Amino acid sequence: MQNLGIQILFQGNNFLRLWEGLWVSLKLAVISMFFSICLGMLFGMVMTSTKKPVRILCRLYLETVRIMPQLVLLFLVYFGAAKHLKVNFSGGTAAVLVFTFWGTAEMGDLVRSALESIPVHQYQSGYALGFGKIGVYRHIIIPQTIRRLLPSMMNLLTRMVKTTSLVVLIGVIEVVKVGKQIIDASRYTVPDAALWVYGVIFIMYFAVCYPFSRAAALLDKKLRD
């Protein structure tokens, strides 16, 4: 039975299909992370506004994203938009929209925290040197913020890669979906195929996410030192 389990992984192009599915997951995560970083930087700066209505709206958005599961958001965008807005998003597009919506909120809160951790004298020193508000942010604050954000950004990317497994429920052919197809095709010939296939998928996720986790830990240690 063990040999059959190994054989099913390398039968035909099953192993290649798993890697292609993993590539879909990575592509969704990287695209979503790119938009999340760009929008999150802006959102984080807005969150530091001194205007109370702006801060309340930002907090409402952040808490909504944190309370509502990503799976519910996926269903709302994928099925809700088609029914109520008459807009048919593909599974991949819906996934990018939802993960960007989620990632922007998380990234924005990280940016807000990083901005508020920078001492006030950094701003005052920039103004004393003749920089305007934009110049202070561009030359002094933003570089320090990015440096402090790098470990957290790595961790968010790792979380996003793992969360892409949810898109199987809206029809996206990613690594978990491919694994299920392989298991279903060999259900009667290899009863324990699920153990082997999901074991390989676990190793694939580990191989992708572990380097990011290690890089985040090393960056965090370097910045603390």
Protein backbone atom coordinates (compact mmCIF):
# COMPACT_ATOMS: atom_id res chain seq x y z
CA MET A 1 0.00 0.00 0.00
CA GLN A 2 2.91 2.33 0.72
CA ASN A 3 4.31 1.76 -2.77
CA LEU A 4 0.89 2.43 -4.27
CA GLY A 5 0.70 5.70 -2.33
CA ILE A 6 4.05 6.82 -3.71
CA GLN A 7 3.20 5.64 -7.20
CA ILE A 8 -0.04 7.63 -7.29
CA LEU A 9 1.96 10.84 -6.70
CA PHE A 10 4.18 10.20 -9.69
CA GLN A 11 1.56 8.59 -11.88
CA GLY A 12 1.05 10.50 -15.11
CA ASN A 13 1.67 14.17 -14.37
CA ASN A 14 0.17 14.29 -10.86
CA PHE A 15 3.28 15.69 -9.20
CA LEU A 16 3.61 18.35 -11.89
CA ARG A 17 -0.06 19.25 -11.45
CA LEU A 18 0.52 19.76 -7.73
CA TRP A 19 3.38 22.16 -8.43
CA GLU A 20 1.23 24.02 -10.97
CA GLY A 21 -1.49 24.29 -8.34
CA LEU A 22 1.03 25.62 -5.83
CA TRP A 23 2.14 28.20 -8.39
CA VAL A 24 -1.48 29.41 -8.65
CA SER A 25 -1.59 29.80 -4.85
CA LEU A 26 1.70 31.71 -4.84
CA LYS A 27 0.60 33.95 -7.70
CA LEU A 28 -2.63 34.88 -5.91
CA ALA A 29 -0.73 35.58 -2.69
CA VAL A 30 2.02 37.68 -4.31
CA ILE A 31 -0.38 39.78 -6.39
CA SER A 32 -2.61 40.36 -3.37
CA MET A 33 0.39 41.19 -1.21
CA PHE A 34 1.66 43.74 -3.75
CA PHE A 35 -1.65 45.63 -3.75
CA SER A 36 -1.94 45.25 0.03
CA ILE A 37 1.45 46.88 0.57
CA CYS A 38 0.70 49.79 -1.77
CA LEU A 39 -2.79 50.46 -0.37
CA GLY A 40 -1.80 49.56 3.19
CA MET A 41 0.93 52.22 3.25
CA LEU A 42 -1.66 54.85 2.36
CA PHE A 43 -4.25 53.43 4.73
CA GLY A 44 -1.74 53.36 7.58
CA MET A 45 -0.93 57.04 7.09
CA VAL A 46 -4.65 57.87 7.02
CA MET A 47 -5.09 55.96 10.30
CA THR A 48 -2.69 58.38 12.01
CA SER A 49 -4.99 61.30 11.17
CA THR A 50 -5.90 63.56 14.06
CA LYS A 51 -9.48 63.88 12.78
CA LYS A 52 -11.77 61.73 14.90
CA PRO A 53 -14.31 60.80 12.14
CA VAL A 54 -11.44 59.56 9.93
CA ARG A 55 -10.01 57.48 12.75
CA ILE A 56 -13.43 55.99 13.54
CA LEU A 57 -14.00 54.99 9.90
CA CYS A 58 -10.55 53.44 9.70
CA ARG A 59 -11.11 51.51 12.91
CA LEU A 60 -14.52 50.33 11.66
CA TYR A 61 -12.94 48.99 8.46
CA LEU A 62 -10.13 47.28 10.35
CA GLU A 63 -12.41 45.62 12.90
CA THR A 64 -14.85 44.50 10.19
CA VAL A 65 -12.03 42.76 8.32
CA ARG A 66 -10.72 41.14 11.48
CA ILE A 67 -14.12 39.90 12.66
CA MET A 68 -15.40 38.58 9.34
CA PRO A 69 -13.76 35.32 8.15
CA GLN A 70 -12.01 35.44 4.78
CA LEU A 71 -14.23 32.60 3.57
CA VAL A 72 -17.34 34.72 4.12
CA LEU A 73 -15.73 37.60 2.23
CA LEU A 74 -14.89 35.24 -0.66
CA PHE A 75 -18.51 34.08 -0.87
CA LEU A 76 -19.81 37.66 -0.68
CA VAL A 77 -17.59 38.83 -3.53
CA TYR A 78 -17.81 35.73 -5.73
CA PHE A 79 -21.50 34.89 -5.33
CA GLY A 80 -22.90 38.18 -4.03
CA ALA A 81 -21.45 40.33 -6.81
CA ALA A 82 -22.85 37.97 -9.46
CA LYS A 83 -26.34 37.95 -7.93
CA HIS A 84 -26.80 41.54 -6.80
CA LEU A 85 -24.38 43.55 -8.96
CA LYS A 86 -24.58 41.34 -12.06
CA VAL A 87 -20.77 41.24 -12.12
CA ASN A 88 -19.26 37.83 -12.72
CA PHE A 89 -15.79 37.76 -11.22
CA SER A 90 -13.54 34.80 -11.96
CA GLY A 91 -12.42 32.83 -8.91
CA GLY A 92 -8.91 34.25 -9.17
CA THR A 93 -10.13 37.85 -9.45
CA ALA A 94 -12.48 37.43 -6.49
CA ALA A 95 -9.62 35.94 -4.46
CA VAL A 96 -7.28 38.84 -5.24
CA LEU A 97 -9.99 41.37 -4.34
CA VAL A 98 -10.75 39.69 -1.02
CA PHE A 99 -7.13 39.10 -0.02
CA THR A 100 -6.24 42.68 -0.97
CA PHE A 101 -9.20 43.96 1.07
CA TRP A 102 -8.01 41.89 4.03
CA GLY A 103 -4.30 42.52 3.50
CA THR A 104 -4.76 46.30 3.17
CA ALA A 105 -6.42 46.45 6.58
CA GLU A 106 -3.74 44.31 8.24
CA MET A 107 -0.93 46.15 6.47
CA GLY A 108 -2.44 49.51 7.32
CA ASP A 109 -2.50 48.68 11.02
CA LEU A 110 1.14 47.58 10.85
CA VAL A 111 2.06 50.84 9.12
CA ARG A 112 0.13 52.85 11.70
CA SER A 113 1.94 51.07 14.52
CA ALA A 114 5.32 51.63 12.85
CA LEU A 115 4.62 55.31 12.23
CA GLU A 116 3.49 55.91 15.81
CA SER A 117 6.59 54.14 17.14
CA ILE A 118 8.91 56.66 15.48
CA PRO A 119 9.97 59.31 18.03
CA VAL A 120 8.49 62.78 17.64
CA HIS A 121 11.93 64.37 17.44
CA GLN A 122 12.45 62.64 14.07
CA TYR A 123 9.62 64.72 12.65
CA GLN A 124 10.82 67.87 14.41
CA SER A 125 14.36 67.38 13.14
CA GLY A 126 13.08 67.11 9.58
CA TYR A 127 11.07 70.30 9.89
CA ALA A 128 14.11 72.02 11.43
CA LEU A 129 16.15 71.04 8.36
CA GLY A 130 13.66 72.82 6.14
CA PHE A 131 11.66 69.84 4.86
CA GLY A 132 7.94 70.17 4.35
CA LYS A 133 5.52 67.48 5.53
CA ILE A 134 5.88 65.47 2.32
CA GLY A 135 9.67 65.78 2.44
CA VAL A 136 9.80 64.62 6.06
CA TYR A 137 7.75 61.53 5.22
CA ARG A 138 9.67 60.80 2.02
CA HIS A 139 13.21 61.19 3.30
CA ILE A 140 12.96 60.41 7.02
CA ILE A 141 9.79 58.68 8.16
CA ILE A 142 8.97 56.29 5.29
CA PRO A 143 12.49 54.74 5.10
CA GLN A 144 12.43 54.04 8.84
CA THR A 145 8.87 52.71 8.64
CA ILE A 146 9.71 50.26 5.84
CA ARG A 147 12.74 49.03 7.78
CA ARG A 148 10.56 48.30 10.82
CA LEU A 149 7.83 46.73 8.71
CA LEU A 150 9.92 44.13 6.87
CA PRO A 151 9.58 41.29 9.43
CA SER A 152 5.83 41.86 9.79
CA MET A 153 5.40 42.01 6.02
CA MET A 154 7.09 38.62 5.70
CA ASN A 155 4.73 37.15 8.28
CA LEU A 156 1.69 38.61 6.52
CA LEU A 157 2.84 37.13 3.21
CA THR A 158 3.19 33.71 4.86
CA ARG A 159 -0.33 33.97 6.26
CA MET A 160 -1.64 35.00 2.87
CA VAL A 161 0.00 32.03 1.12
CA LYS A 162 -1.66 29.64 3.57
CA THR A 163 -5.04 31.38 3.37
CA THR A 164 -5.16 30.89 -0.41
CA SER A 165 -6.23 27.30 0.32
CA LEU A 166 -9.74 28.74 0.86
CA VAL A 167 -10.13 29.63 -2.81
CA VAL A 168 -10.77 25.97 -3.59
CA LEU A 169 -14.33 26.61 -2.38
CA ILE A 170 -14.99 29.10 -5.20
CA GLY A 171 -13.64 26.85 -7.93
CA VAL A 172 -10.03 28.00 -8.27
CA ILE A 173 -7.77 25.13 -9.34
CA GLU A 174 -4.96 25.56 -6.83
CA VAL A 175 -2.85 22.98 -5.02
CA VAL A 176 -5.54 21.76 -2.59
CA LYS A 177 -8.07 21.41 -5.42
CA VAL A 178 -5.56 19.47 -7.52
CA GLY A 179 -4.84 17.24 -4.54
CA LYS A 180 -8.54 16.50 -4.09
CA GLN A 181 -8.86 15.62 -7.79
CA ILE A 182 -5.96 13.15 -7.50
CA ILE A 183 -7.50 11.60 -4.37
CA ASP A 184 -10.93 11.25 -5.99
CA ALA A 185 -9.42 9.63 -9.09
CA SER A 186 -7.64 6.96 -7.00
CA ARG A 187 -10.19 6.49 -4.22
CA TYR A 188 -10.87 2.83 -5.00
CA THR A 189 -7.37 1.73 -6.02
CA VAL A 190 -5.49 3.53 -3.20
CA PRO A 191 -7.76 4.02 -0.16
CA ASP A 192 -5.11 5.96 1.79
CA ALA A 193 -4.22 8.27 -1.11
CA ALA A 194 -5.39 11.28 0.94
CA LEU A 195 -2.60 10.68 3.47
CA TRP A 196 0.08 10.73 0.79
CA VAL A 197 -1.32 13.57 -1.29
CA TYR A 198 -2.04 15.92 1.61
CA GLY A 199 1.31 14.97 3.11
CA VAL A 200 3.05 16.16 -0.04
CA ILE A 201 0.93 19.33 -0.06
CA PHE A 202 1.99 19.99 3.53
CA ILE A 203 5.65 19.64 2.53
CA MET A 204 5.10 22.01 -0.41
CA TYR A 205 3.53 24.66 1.82
CA PHE A 206 6.32 24.19 4.34
CA ALA A 207 8.98 24.55 1.63
CA VAL A 208 7.41 27.83 0.50
CA CYS A 209 6.51 29.37 3.87
CA TYR A 210 9.49 28.33 6.00
CA PRO A 211 12.03 30.55 4.16
CA PHE A 212 9.73 33.54 4.65
CA SER A 213 9.34 32.72 8.36
CA ARG A 214 13.10 32.37 8.79
CA ALA A 215 13.74 35.60 6.88
CA ALA A 216 11.23 37.40 9.13
CA ALA A 217 12.93 36.04 12.26
CA LEU A 218 16.40 37.02 11.01
CA LEU A 219 15.24 40.50 10.03
CA ASP A 220 13.58 40.97 13.40
CA LYS A 221 16.76 39.88 15.20
CA LYS A 222 18.94 42.11 13.03
CA LEU A 223 16.74 45.14 13.61
CA ARG A 224 16.68 44.54 17.38
CA ASP A 225 20.48 44.23 17.45
